[in-house]
């Protein structure tokens, strides 16, 4: 008797039950969302000098006026840094190339540690990333010799793109993201200030602005860009400096380095709520001791977007 292939399959299928192994169970995917919000805080006395020796219990932090528990605390800022150094190479600024390069080299050598990384950009008609994030000082110094001058100033494009790069860096606990700008503050491309600020806030970037003053006390100078940079620096917890002589760049870079080395870093876990997930949430930090609130000044970023830390 011939048994067809179909009959054979049917016979096997309908014979006594055969022990079958259950299909392998799917391993559930665990999605871990990092909700830690890092806030770098500078504390200074009435003379502007840094206040050392404070502890976690000396600070209170809030989000949208709701107190939050401090989950991470670091003093004397040993936490790693991700820095973008963005240099305006338009004709209005880049007129003493040697001094600017030397000041930048001193800054890099004084500040950059093994756990830190720096990205070098220049901007004029366009924004160029010359050296991507690295802690190799020689590589960065080599990049400083590749700056290219131009005619225009795409300042807000530079802030937007630099902040975007910073948002892609590692998110270790306490890591600080910093954007250092050398510019006269004038954007000649009519790019939106609001978009640049939002991107900086999304990245958690502190903006330090070295504002080159082309002509001291020039009544005809456009100060709108300067004021915008000042506001942006204050909103992000950074700082601004006026540079009236290129020789002052070295000292101003030292001020930035000192500022970053004397920060406290506080971290808290963002609360889960029903609010819109892309809303801007406000951050508040104050001294726990009421008697110190009028004595010390605190500088920190004032907000963050809830879909970005």
C-alpha atoms as a PDB file:
ATOM      1  CA  UNK A   1       0.000   0.000   0.000  1.00  0.00           C
ATOM      2  CA  UNK A   2       1.314   3.336  -0.980  1.00  0.00           C
ATOM      3  CA  UNK A   3       1.238   6.053   1.617  1.00  0.00           C
ATOM      4  CA  UNK A   4       1.202   9.513   0.216  1.00  0.00           C
ATOM      5  CA  UNK A   5       3.146  12.303   1.846  1.00  0.00           C
ATOM      6  CA  UNK A   6      -0.101  13.982   2.856  1.00  0.00           C
ATOM      7  CA  UNK A   7      -1.421  10.785   4.453  1.00  0.00           C
ATOM      8  CA  UNK A   8       1.841  10.295   6.298  1.00  0.00           C
ATOM      9  CA  UNK A   9       1.727  13.786   7.728  1.00  0.00           C
ATOM     10  CA  UNK A  10      -1.890  13.280   8.738  1.00  0.00           C
ATOM     11  CA  UNK A  11      -1.107   9.964  10.397  1.00  0.00           C
ATOM     12  CA  UNK A  12       1.708  11.453  12.371  1.00  0.00           C
ATOM     13  CA  UNK A  13      -0.405  14.435  13.380  1.00  0.00           C
ATOM     14  CA  UNK A  14      -3.337  12.352  14.638  1.00  0.00           C
ATOM     15  CA  UNK A  15      -1.339   9.632  16.390  1.00  0.00           C
ATOM     16  CA  UNK A  16      -0.901   9.555  20.141  1.00  0.00           C
ATOM     17  CA  UNK A  17      -0.001  12.943  21.537  1.00  0.00           C
ATOM     18  CA  UNK A  18       3.626  13.779  21.306  1.00  0.00           C
ATOM     19  CA  UNK A  19       5.260  15.833  24.039  1.00  0.00           C
ATOM     20  CA  UNK A  20       5.931  19.232  22.626  1.00  0.00           C
ATOM     21  CA  UNK A  21       8.203  21.832  24.129  1.00  0.00           C
ATOM     22  CA  UNK A  22       6.447  25.087  24.825  1.00  0.00           C
ATOM     23  CA  UNK A  23       7.646  28.010  22.726  1.00  0.00           C
ATOM     24  CA  UNK A  24      10.454  29.883  24.396  1.00  0.00           C
ATOM     25  CA  UNK A  25       9.141  32.606  26.601  1.00  0.00           C
ATOM     26  CA  UNK A  26       9.851  36.078  25.386  1.00  0.00           C
ATOM     27  CA  UNK A  27      12.200  37.945  27.672  1.00  0.00           C
ATOM     28  CA  UNK A  28      10.453  41.146  28.656  1.00  0.00           C
ATOM     29  CA  UNK A  29      12.172  44.347  27.554  1.00  0.00           C
ATOM     30  CA  UNK A  30      13.012  46.539  30.495  1.00  0.00           C
ATOM     31  CA  UNK A  31      13.042  50.204  29.656  1.00  0.00           C
ATOM     32  CA  UNK A  32      14.938  52.303  32.146  1.00  0.00           C
ATOM     33  CA  UNK A  33      14.188  56.000  32.039  1.00  0.00           C
ATOM     34  CA  UNK A  34      16.790  58.230  33.614  1.00  0.00           C
ATOM     35  CA  UNK A  35      14.814  60.847  35.477  1.00  0.00           C
ATOM     36  CA  UNK A  36      17.762  62.274  37.395  1.00  0.00           C
ATOM     37  CA  UNK A  37      17.897  66.039  36.952  1.00  0.00           C
ATOM     38  CA  UNK A  38      21.359  67.489  37.607  1.00  0.00           C
ATOM     39  CA  UNK A  39      21.654  71.068  38.805  1.00  0.00           C
ATOM     40  CA  UNK A  40      25.060  72.727  39.125  1.00  0.00           C
ATOM     41  CA  UNK A  41      25.004  75.504  41.725  1.00  0.00           C
ATOM     42  CA  UNK A  42      27.494  78.295  42.334  1.00  0.00           C
ATOM     43  CA  UNK A  43      27.341  79.838  45.817  1.00  0.00           C
ATOM     44  CA  UNK A  44      29.077  83.172  46.392  1.00  0.00           C
ATOM     45  CA  UNK A  45      29.303  85.617  49.283  1.00  0.00           C
ATOM     46  CA  UNK A  46      28.705  89.364  49.225  1.00  0.00           C
ATOM     47  CA  UNK A  47      32.135  89.910  47.642  1.00  0.00           C
ATOM     48  CA  UNK A  48      31.515  87.373  44.871  1.00  0.00           C
ATOM     49  CA  UNK A  49      33.906  84.824  46.357  1.00  0.00           C
ATOM     50  CA  UNK A  50      32.951  81.118  46.217  1.00  0.00           C
ATOM     51  CA  UNK A  51      31.620  79.625  49.457  1.00  0.00           C
ATOM     52  CA  UNK A  52      33.298  76.257  50.161  1.00  0.00           C
ATOM     53  CA  UNK A  53      32.460  73.513  52.639  1.00  0.00           C
ATOM     54  CA  UNK A  54      28.687  73.343  52.229  1.00  0.00           C
ATOM     55  CA  UNK A  55      26.915  69.990  52.569  1.00  0.00           C
ATOM     56  CA  UNK A  56      23.784  68.433  51.123  1.00  0.00           C
ATOM     57  CA  UNK A  57      21.745  69.467  54.154  1.00  0.00           C
ATOM     58  CA  UNK A  58      22.563  73.123  53.434  1.00  0.00           C
ATOM     59  CA  UNK A  59      20.444  73.072  50.241  1.00  0.00           C
ATOM     60  CA  UNK A  60      16.775  72.777  49.391  1.00  0.00           C
ATOM     61  CA  UNK A  61      15.572  72.142  45.845  1.00  0.00           C
ATOM     62  CA  UNK A  62      12.121  72.366  44.273  1.00  0.00           C
ATOM     63  CA  UNK A  63      10.413  71.790  40.936  1.00  0.00           C
ATOM     64  CA  UNK A  64       7.462  74.013  40.030  1.00  0.00           C
ATOM     65  CA  UNK A  65       7.461  75.127  43.690  1.00  0.00           C
ATOM     66  CA  UNK A  66       7.148  71.534  44.971  1.00  0.00           C
ATOM     67  CA  UNK A  67      10.001  70.415  47.266  1.00  0.00           C
ATOM     68  CA  UNK A  68      12.141  67.559  45.935  1.00  0.00           C
ATOM     69  CA  UNK A  69      14.424  65.139  47.708  1.00  0.00           C
ATOM     70  CA  UNK A  70      18.108  65.550  46.848  1.00  0.00           C
ATOM     71  CA  UNK A  71      19.249  62.161  45.541  1.00  0.00           C
ATOM     72  CA  UNK A  72      22.743  63.141  44.412  1.00  0.00           C
ATOM     73  CA  UNK A  73      25.222  65.617  45.869  1.00  0.00           C
ATOM     74  CA  UNK A  74      28.789  66.449  44.926  1.00  0.00           C
ATOM     75  CA  UNK A  75      30.932  69.265  46.247  1.00  0.00           C
ATOM     76  CA  UNK A  76      34.022  70.874  44.754  1.00  0.00           C
ATOM     77  CA  UNK A  77      32.859  69.650  41.358  1.00  0.00           C
ATOM     78  CA  UNK A  78      34.804  66.499  40.744  1.00  0.00           C
ATOM     79  CA  UNK A  79      31.991  65.421  38.427  1.00  0.00           C
ATOM     80  CA  UNK A  80      32.906  65.100  34.729  1.00  0.00           C
ATOM     81  CA  UNK A  81      32.465  67.870  32.165  1.00  0.00           C
ATOM     82  CA  UNK A  82      31.273  67.803  28.565  1.00  0.00           C
ATOM     83  CA  UNK A  83      32.263  71.127  26.984  1.00  0.00           C
ATOM     84  CA  UNK A  84      31.691  72.695  23.588  1.00  0.00           C
ATOM     85  CA  UNK A  85      34.057  75.566  22.822  1.00  0.00           C
ATOM     86  CA  UNK A  86      32.467  77.582  20.000  1.00  0.00           C
ATOM     87  CA  UNK A  87      34.530  80.418  18.507  1.00  0.00           C
ATOM     88  CA  UNK A  88      33.085  83.210  16.381  1.00  0.00           C
ATOM     89  CA  UNK A  89      35.427  83.612  13.394  1.00  0.00           C
ATOM     90  CA  UNK A  90      33.539  86.423  11.656  1.00  0.00           C
ATOM     91  CA  UNK A  91      35.497  89.524  10.660  1.00  0.00           C
ATOM     92  CA  UNK A  92      34.010  91.578  13.512  1.00  0.00           C
ATOM     93  CA  UNK A  93      35.565  89.261  16.128  1.00  0.00           C
ATOM     94  CA  UNK A  94      38.402  87.213  14.712  1.00  0.00           C
ATOM     95  CA  UNK A  95      40.928  90.025  14.418  1.00  0.00           C
ATOM     96  CA  UNK A  96      43.580  88.812  16.827  1.00  0.00           C
ATOM     97  CA  UNK A  97      43.806  85.158  15.944  1.00  0.00           C
ATOM     98  CA  UNK A  98      47.002  84.385  17.829  1.00  0.00           C
ATOM     99  CA  UNK A  99      45.794  85.737  21.182  1.00  0.00           C
ATOM    100  CA  UNK A 100      42.463  83.930  20.912  1.00  0.00           C
ATOM    101  CA  UNK A 101      44.094  80.615  20.091  1.00  0.00           C
ATOM    102  CA  UNK A 102      46.666  80.926  22.871  1.00  0.00           C
ATOM    103  CA  UNK A 103      44.007  81.801  25.440  1.00  0.00           C
ATOM    104  CA  UNK A 104      41.916  78.810  24.354  1.00  0.00           C
ATOM    105  CA  UNK A 105      44.938  76.500  24.621  1.00  0.00           C
ATOM    106  CA  UNK A 106      45.661  77.693  28.165  1.00  0.00           C
ATOM    107  CA  UNK A 107      42.019  77.129  29.105  1.00  0.00           C
ATOM    108  CA  UNK A 108      42.008  73.583  27.720  1.00  0.00           C
ATOM    109  CA  UNK A 109      45.269  72.646  29.438  1.00  0.00           C
ATOM    110  CA  UNK A 110      44.160  74.096  32.769  1.00  0.00           C
ATOM    111  CA  UNK A 111      40.648  72.638  32.848  1.00  0.00           C
ATOM    112  CA  UNK A 112      40.489  69.363  30.935  1.00  0.00           C
ATOM    113  CA  UNK A 113      40.919  66.200  33.046  1.00  0.00           C
ATOM    114  CA  UNK A 114      40.834  62.528  32.062  1.00  0.00           C
ATOM    115  CA  UNK A 115      37.114  62.267  32.839  1.00  0.00           C
ATOM    116  CA  UNK A 116      36.255  65.381  30.796  1.00  0.00           C
ATOM    117  CA  UNK A 117      35.666  65.839  27.067  1.00  0.00           C
ATOM    118  CA  UNK A 118      35.677  68.846  24.762  1.00  0.00           C
ATOM    119  CA  UNK A 119      34.212  69.527  21.330  1.00  0.00           C
ATOM    120  CA  UNK A 120      35.603  72.388  19.204  1.00  0.00           C
ATOM    121  CA  UNK A 121      33.437  74.390  16.790  1.00  0.00           C
ATOM    122  CA  UNK A 122      33.813  77.606  14.850  1.00  0.00           C
ATOM    123  CA  UNK A 123      31.048  79.676  13.291  1.00  0.00           C
ATOM    124  CA  UNK A 124      30.767  82.530  10.844  1.00  0.00           C
ATOM    125  CA  UNK A 125      28.817  81.931   7.601  1.00  0.00           C
ATOM    126  CA  UNK A 126      28.150  78.368   8.808  1.00  0.00           C
ATOM    127  CA  UNK A 127      28.823  76.249  11.887  1.00  0.00           C
ATOM    128  CA  UNK A 128      31.678  73.734  11.695  1.00  0.00           C
ATOM    129  CA  UNK A 129      32.556  70.998  14.151  1.00  0.00           C
ATOM    130  CA  UNK A 130      36.349  70.864  13.901  1.00  0.00           C
ATOM    131  CA  UNK A 131      37.074  68.345  16.671  1.00  0.00           C
ATOM    132  CA  UNK A 132      34.396  66.047  18.076  1.00  0.00           C
ATOM    133  CA  UNK A 133      34.320  65.240  21.794  1.00  0.00           C
ATOM    134  CA  UNK A 134      37.715  64.132  23.084  1.00  0.00           C
ATOM    135  CA  UNK A 135      40.041  64.622  26.050  1.00  0.00           C
ATOM    136  CA  UNK A 136      43.141  64.574  23.845  1.00  0.00           C
ATOM    137  CA  UNK A 137      44.584  68.049  24.306  1.00  0.00           C
ATOM    138  CA  UNK A 138      46.978  67.829  21.347  1.00  0.00           C
ATOM    139  CA  UNK A 139      44.097  66.970  19.048  1.00  0.00           C
ATOM    140  CA  UNK A 140      42.152  70.014  20.251  1.00  0.00           C
ATOM    141  CA  UNK A 141      45.193  72.278  19.902  1.00  0.00           C
ATOM    142  CA  UNK A 142      45.627  71.028  16.347  1.00  0.00           C
ATOM    143  CA  UNK A 143      41.969  71.868  15.708  1.00  0.00           C
ATOM    144  CA  UNK A 144      42.513  75.432  16.926  1.00  0.00           C
ATOM    145  CA  UNK A 145      44.942  75.882  14.043  1.00  0.00           C
ATOM    146  CA  UNK A 146      42.157  75.046  11.584  1.00  0.00           C
ATOM    147  CA  UNK A 147      39.793  77.912  12.407  1.00  0.00           C
ATOM    148  CA  UNK A 148      38.433  79.577   9.262  1.00  0.00           C
ATOM    149  CA  UNK A 149      37.328  83.235   9.069  1.00  0.00           C
ATOM    150  CA  UNK A 150      34.073  84.310   7.407  1.00  0.00           C
ATOM    151  CA  UNK A 151      31.805  87.297   6.862  1.00  0.00           C
ATOM    152  CA  UNK A 152      28.526  86.477   8.617  1.00  0.00           C
ATOM    153  CA  UNK A 153      27.699  85.363  12.191  1.00  0.00           C
ATOM    154  CA  UNK A 154      25.264  82.486  12.649  1.00  0.00           C
ATOM    155  CA  UNK A 155      25.377  82.828  16.445  1.00  0.00           C
ATOM    156  CA  UNK A 156      22.063  81.215  17.349  1.00  0.00           C
ATOM    157  CA  UNK A 157      22.644  78.397  14.874  1.00  0.00           C
ATOM    158  CA  UNK A 158      25.912  77.750  16.714  1.00  0.00           C
ATOM    159  CA  UNK A 159      24.175  77.704  20.107  1.00  0.00           C
ATOM    160  CA  UNK A 160      21.454  75.397  18.777  1.00  0.00           C
ATOM    161  CA  UNK A 161      23.850  72.914  17.152  1.00  0.00           C
ATOM    162  CA  UNK A 162      26.340  72.969  20.041  1.00  0.00           C
ATOM    163  CA  UNK A 163      23.505  72.278  22.487  1.00  0.00           C
ATOM    164  CA  UNK A 164      22.291  69.474  20.261  1.00  0.00           C
ATOM    165  CA  UNK A 165      25.757  67.881  20.379  1.00  0.00           C
ATOM    166  CA  UNK A 166      25.863  68.271  24.155  1.00  0.00           C
ATOM    167  CA  UNK A 167      22.508  66.506  24.467  1.00  0.00           C
ATOM    168  CA  UNK A 168      24.110  63.442  22.846  1.00  0.00           C
ATOM    169  CA  UNK A 169      26.849  63.102  25.464  1.00  0.00           C
ATOM    170  CA  UNK A 170      26.830  60.541  28.271  1.00  0.00           C
ATOM    171  CA  UNK A 171      24.416  60.956  31.153  1.00  0.00           C
ATOM    172  CA  UNK A 172      26.518  59.788  34.089  1.00  0.00           C
ATOM    173  CA  UNK A 173      25.318  60.988  37.454  1.00  0.00           C
ATOM    174  CA  UNK A 174      26.456  64.538  37.994  1.00  0.00           C
ATOM    175  CA  UNK A 175      27.890  65.109  34.492  1.00  0.00           C
ATOM    176  CA  UNK A 176      27.848  68.795  33.647  1.00  0.00           C
ATOM    177  CA  UNK A 177      27.297  70.134  30.142  1.00  0.00           C
ATOM    178  CA  UNK A 178      28.926  73.444  29.273  1.00  0.00           C
ATOM    179  CA  UNK A 179      28.904  75.707  26.212  1.00  0.00           C
ATOM    180  CA  UNK A 180      31.654  78.350  26.064  1.00  0.00           C
ATOM    181  CA  UNK A 181      31.141  81.039  23.425  1.00  0.00           C
ATOM    182  CA  UNK A 182      33.615  83.631  22.146  1.00  0.00           C
ATOM    183  CA  UNK A 183      31.569  86.167  20.156  1.00  0.00           C
ATOM    184  CA  UNK A 184      30.483  89.790  19.905  1.00  0.00           C
ATOM    185  CA  UNK A 185      26.882  88.662  20.405  1.00  0.00           C
ATOM    186  CA  UNK A 186      25.559  89.806  17.028  1.00  0.00           C
ATOM    187  CA  UNK A 187      23.597  87.302  14.947  1.00  0.00           C
ATOM    188  CA  UNK A 188      23.502  88.404  11.297  1.00  0.00           C
ATOM    189  CA  UNK A 189      21.318  85.555  10.012  1.00  0.00           C
ATOM    190  CA  UNK A 190      18.072  86.353  11.849  1.00  0.00           C
ATOM    191  CA  UNK A 191      17.916  82.959  13.529  1.00  0.00           C
ATOM    192  CA  UNK A 192      15.409  82.578  16.353  1.00  0.00           C
ATOM    193  CA  UNK A 193      16.740  83.219  19.826  1.00  0.00           C
ATOM    194  CA  UNK A 194      13.918  81.199  21.411  1.00  0.00           C
ATOM    195  CA  UNK A 195      14.830  78.020  19.537  1.00  0.00           C
ATOM    196  CA  UNK A 196      18.485  78.309  20.557  1.00  0.00           C
ATOM    197  CA  UNK A 197      17.583  78.870  24.224  1.00  0.00           C
ATOM    198  CA  UNK A 198      15.131  75.965  24.244  1.00  0.00           C
ATOM    199  CA  UNK A 199      17.731  73.610  22.793  1.00  0.00           C
ATOM    200  CA  UNK A 200      20.266  74.721  25.426  1.00  0.00           C
ATOM    201  CA  UNK A 201      17.708  74.089  28.176  1.00  0.00           C
ATOM    202  CA  UNK A 202      16.850  70.687  26.727  1.00  0.00           C
ATOM    203  CA  UNK A 203      20.533  69.767  26.803  1.00  0.00           C
ATOM    204  CA  UNK A 204      20.980  71.112  30.332  1.00  0.00           C
ATOM    205  CA  UNK A 205      23.833  73.239  28.979  1.00  0.00           C
ATOM    206  CA  UNK A 206      25.340  76.060  31.024  1.00  0.00           C
ATOM    207  CA  UNK A 207      26.279  78.892  28.649  1.00  0.00           C
ATOM    208  CA  UNK A 208      29.399  80.924  29.395  1.00  0.00           C
ATOM    209  CA  UNK A 209      29.636  83.921  27.081  1.00  0.00           C
ATOM    210  CA  UNK A 210      32.870  85.798  26.411  1.00  0.00           C
ATOM    211  CA  UNK A 211      31.441  88.891  24.731  1.00  0.00           C
ATOM    212  CA  UNK A 212      33.989  90.700  22.588  1.00  0.00           C
ATOM    213  CA  UNK A 213      33.396  94.448  22.692  1.00  0.00           C
ATOM    214  CA  UNK A 214      34.519  95.815  19.292  1.00  0.00           C
ATOM    215  CA  UNK A 215      34.583  99.460  20.324  1.00  0.00           C
ATOM    216  CA  UNK A 216      34.422 100.365  23.982  1.00  0.00           C
ATOM    217  CA  UNK A 217      31.395 102.550  24.856  1.00  0.00           C
ATOM    218  CA  UNK A 218      30.420 102.803  21.172  1.00  0.00           C
ATOM    219  CA  UNK A 219      27.001 104.467  21.276  1.00  0.00           C
ATOM    220  CA  UNK A 220      26.116 103.053  17.864  1.00  0.00           C
ATOM    221  CA  UNK A 221      26.919  99.464  18.776  1.00  0.00           C
ATOM    222  CA  UNK A 222      24.092  96.948  18.531  1.00  0.00           C
ATOM    223  CA  UNK A 223      23.721  95.707  22.109  1.00  0.00           C
ATOM    224  CA  UNK A 224      20.625  93.583  21.465  1.00  0.00           C
ATOM    225  CA  UNK A 225      22.712  90.496  20.850  1.00  0.00           C
ATOM    226  CA  UNK A 226      24.795  91.161  23.950  1.00  0.00           C
ATOM    227  CA  UNK A 227      21.677  91.409  26.108  1.00  0.00           C
ATOM    228  CA  UNK A 228      20.288  88.210  24.590  1.00  0.00           C
ATOM    229  CA  UNK A 229      23.518  86.360  25.438  1.00  0.00           C
ATOM    230  CA  UNK A 230      23.478  87.753  28.968  1.00  0.00           C
ATOM    231  CA  UNK A 231      19.892  86.557  29.479  1.00  0.00           C
ATOM    232  CA  UNK A 232      20.697  83.162  27.990  1.00  0.00           C
ATOM    233  CA  UNK A 233      23.727  82.763  30.259  1.00  0.00           C
ATOM    234  CA  UNK A 234      21.662  83.657  33.327  1.00  0.00           C
ATOM    235  CA  UNK A 235      18.769  81.331  32.418  1.00  0.00           C
ATOM    236  CA  UNK A 236      21.101  78.363  31.983  1.00  0.00           C
ATOM    237  CA  UNK A 237      23.146  78.915  35.143  1.00  0.00           C
ATOM    238  CA  UNK A 238      26.239  80.088  33.260  1.00  0.00           C
ATOM    239  CA  UNK A 239      27.919  83.473  33.271  1.00  0.00           C
ATOM    240  CA  UNK A 240      29.031  86.229  30.913  1.00  0.00           C
ATOM    241  CA  UNK A 241      32.166  88.330  30.675  1.00  0.00           C
ATOM    242  CA  UNK A 242      32.914  91.427  28.619  1.00  0.00           C
ATOM    243  CA  UNK A 243      36.212  91.275  26.753  1.00  0.00           C
ATOM    244  CA  UNK A 244      37.402  94.770  25.869  1.00  0.00           C
ATOM    245  CA  UNK A 245      40.917  93.666  24.950  1.00  0.00           C
ATOM    246  CA  UNK A 246      41.868  90.268  23.450  1.00  0.00           C
ATOM    247  CA  UNK A 247      44.603  90.078  26.072  1.00  0.00           C
ATOM    248  CA  UNK A 248      41.837  89.764  28.685  1.00  0.00           C
ATOM    249  CA  UNK A 249      40.672  86.456  27.213  1.00  0.00           C
ATOM    250  CA  UNK A 250      43.247  84.512  29.191  1.00  0.00           C
ATOM    251  CA  UNK A 251      41.989  85.925  32.503  1.00  0.00           C
ATOM    252  CA  UNK A 252      38.341  85.356  31.540  1.00  0.00           C
ATOM    253  CA  UNK A 253      39.010  81.733  30.643  1.00  0.00           C
ATOM    254  CA  UNK A 254      40.608  81.378  34.077  1.00  0.00           C
ATOM    255  CA  UNK A 255      37.437  82.800  35.649  1.00  0.00           C
ATOM    256  CA  UNK A 256      35.338  80.173  33.827  1.00  0.00           C
ATOM    257  CA  UNK A 257      37.681  77.396  34.907  1.00  0.00           C
ATOM    258  CA  UNK A 258      37.506  78.565  38.539  1.00  0.00           C
ATOM    259  CA  UNK A 259      33.733  78.866  38.312  1.00  0.00           C
ATOM    260  CA  UNK A 260      33.358  75.284  37.121  1.00  0.00           C
ATOM    261  CA  UNK A 261      35.719  73.980  39.795  1.00  0.00           C
ATOM    262  CA  UNK A 262      33.801  75.588  42.657  1.00  0.00           C
ATOM    263  CA  UNK A 263      30.314  74.336  41.799  1.00  0.00           C
ATOM    264  CA  UNK A 264      28.114  72.080  43.867  1.00  0.00           C
ATOM    265  CA  UNK A 265      26.103  69.521  41.908  1.00  0.00           C
ATOM    266  CA  UNK A 266      22.649  68.566  43.170  1.00  0.00           C
ATOM    267  CA  UNK A 267      20.490  65.879  41.607  1.00  0.00           C
ATOM    268  CA  UNK A 268      16.876  64.883  42.127  1.00  0.00           C
ATOM    269  CA  UNK A 269      14.485  62.506  40.394  1.00  0.00           C
ATOM    270  CA  UNK A 270      11.918  64.296  38.280  1.00  0.00           C
ATOM    271  CA  UNK A 271       8.407  63.645  39.591  1.00  0.00           C
ATOM    272  CA  UNK A 272       5.988  61.726  37.387  1.00  0.00           C
ATOM    273  CA  UNK A 273       2.830  63.702  36.812  1.00  0.00           C
ATOM    274  CA  UNK A 274      -0.045  64.330  34.465  1.00  0.00           C
ATOM    275  CA  UNK A 275       1.526  67.458  33.035  1.00  0.00           C
ATOM    276  CA  UNK A 276       2.446  67.649  29.389  1.00  0.00           C
ATOM    277  CA  UNK A 277       5.616  65.652  28.910  1.00  0.00           C
ATOM    278  CA  UNK A 278       7.325  68.390  26.896  1.00  0.00           C
ATOM    279  CA  UNK A 279       6.622  71.257  29.261  1.00  0.00           C
ATOM    280  CA  UNK A 280       9.259  73.548  30.720  1.00  0.00           C
ATOM    281  CA  UNK A 281       9.544  72.917  34.434  1.00  0.00           C
ATOM    282  CA  UNK A 282      11.034  75.473  36.783  1.00  0.00           C
ATOM    283  CA  UNK A 283      13.836  74.693  39.236  1.00  0.00           C
ATOM    284  CA  UNK A 284      14.369  76.489  42.525  1.00  0.00           C
ATOM    285  CA  UNK A 285      17.339  76.158  44.866  1.00  0.00           C
ATOM    286  CA  UNK A 286      17.812  77.933  48.170  1.00  0.00           C
ATOM    287  CA  UNK A 287      19.796  77.654  51.386  1.00  0.00           C
ATOM    288  CA  UNK A 288      18.116  75.610  54.109  1.00  0.00           C
ATOM    289  CA  UNK A 289      19.115  78.099  56.784  1.00  0.00           C
ATOM    290  CA  UNK A 290      16.944  81.246  56.334  1.00  0.00           C
ATOM    291  CA  UNK A 291      19.733  83.408  57.783  1.00  0.00           C
ATOM    292  CA  UNK A 292      22.016  82.445  54.877  1.00  0.00           C
ATOM    293  CA  UNK A 293      19.530  83.235  52.110  1.00  0.00           C
ATOM    294  CA  UNK A 294      20.281  86.947  52.185  1.00  0.00           C
ATOM    295  CA  UNK A 295      23.960  86.376  52.821  1.00  0.00           C
ATOM    296  CA  UNK A 296      24.811  84.113  49.873  1.00  0.00           C
ATOM    297  CA  UNK A 297      23.930  84.349  46.192  1.00  0.00           C
ATOM    298  CA  UNK A 298      23.056  81.187  44.253  1.00  0.00           C
ATOM    299  CA  UNK A 299      23.413  80.727  40.505  1.00  0.00           C
ATOM    300  CA  UNK A 300      21.917  77.714  38.690  1.00  0.00           C
ATOM    301  CA  UNK A 301      19.783  76.815  35.679  1.00  0.00           C
ATOM    302  CA  UNK A 302      16.203  77.895  36.224  1.00  0.00           C
ATOM    303  CA  UNK A 303      14.378  75.197  34.265  1.00  0.00           C
ATOM    304  CA  UNK A 304      14.447  72.079  32.119  1.00  0.00           C
ATOM    305  CA  UNK A 305      12.183  70.335  29.639  1.00  0.00           C
ATOM    306  CA  UNK A 306      10.545  67.256  31.083  1.00  0.00           C
ATOM    307  CA  UNK A 307      11.329  65.144  28.010  1.00  0.00           C
ATOM    308  CA  UNK A 308      15.034  65.931  28.353  1.00  0.00           C
ATOM    309  CA  UNK A 309      17.263  65.923  31.435  1.00  0.00           C
END
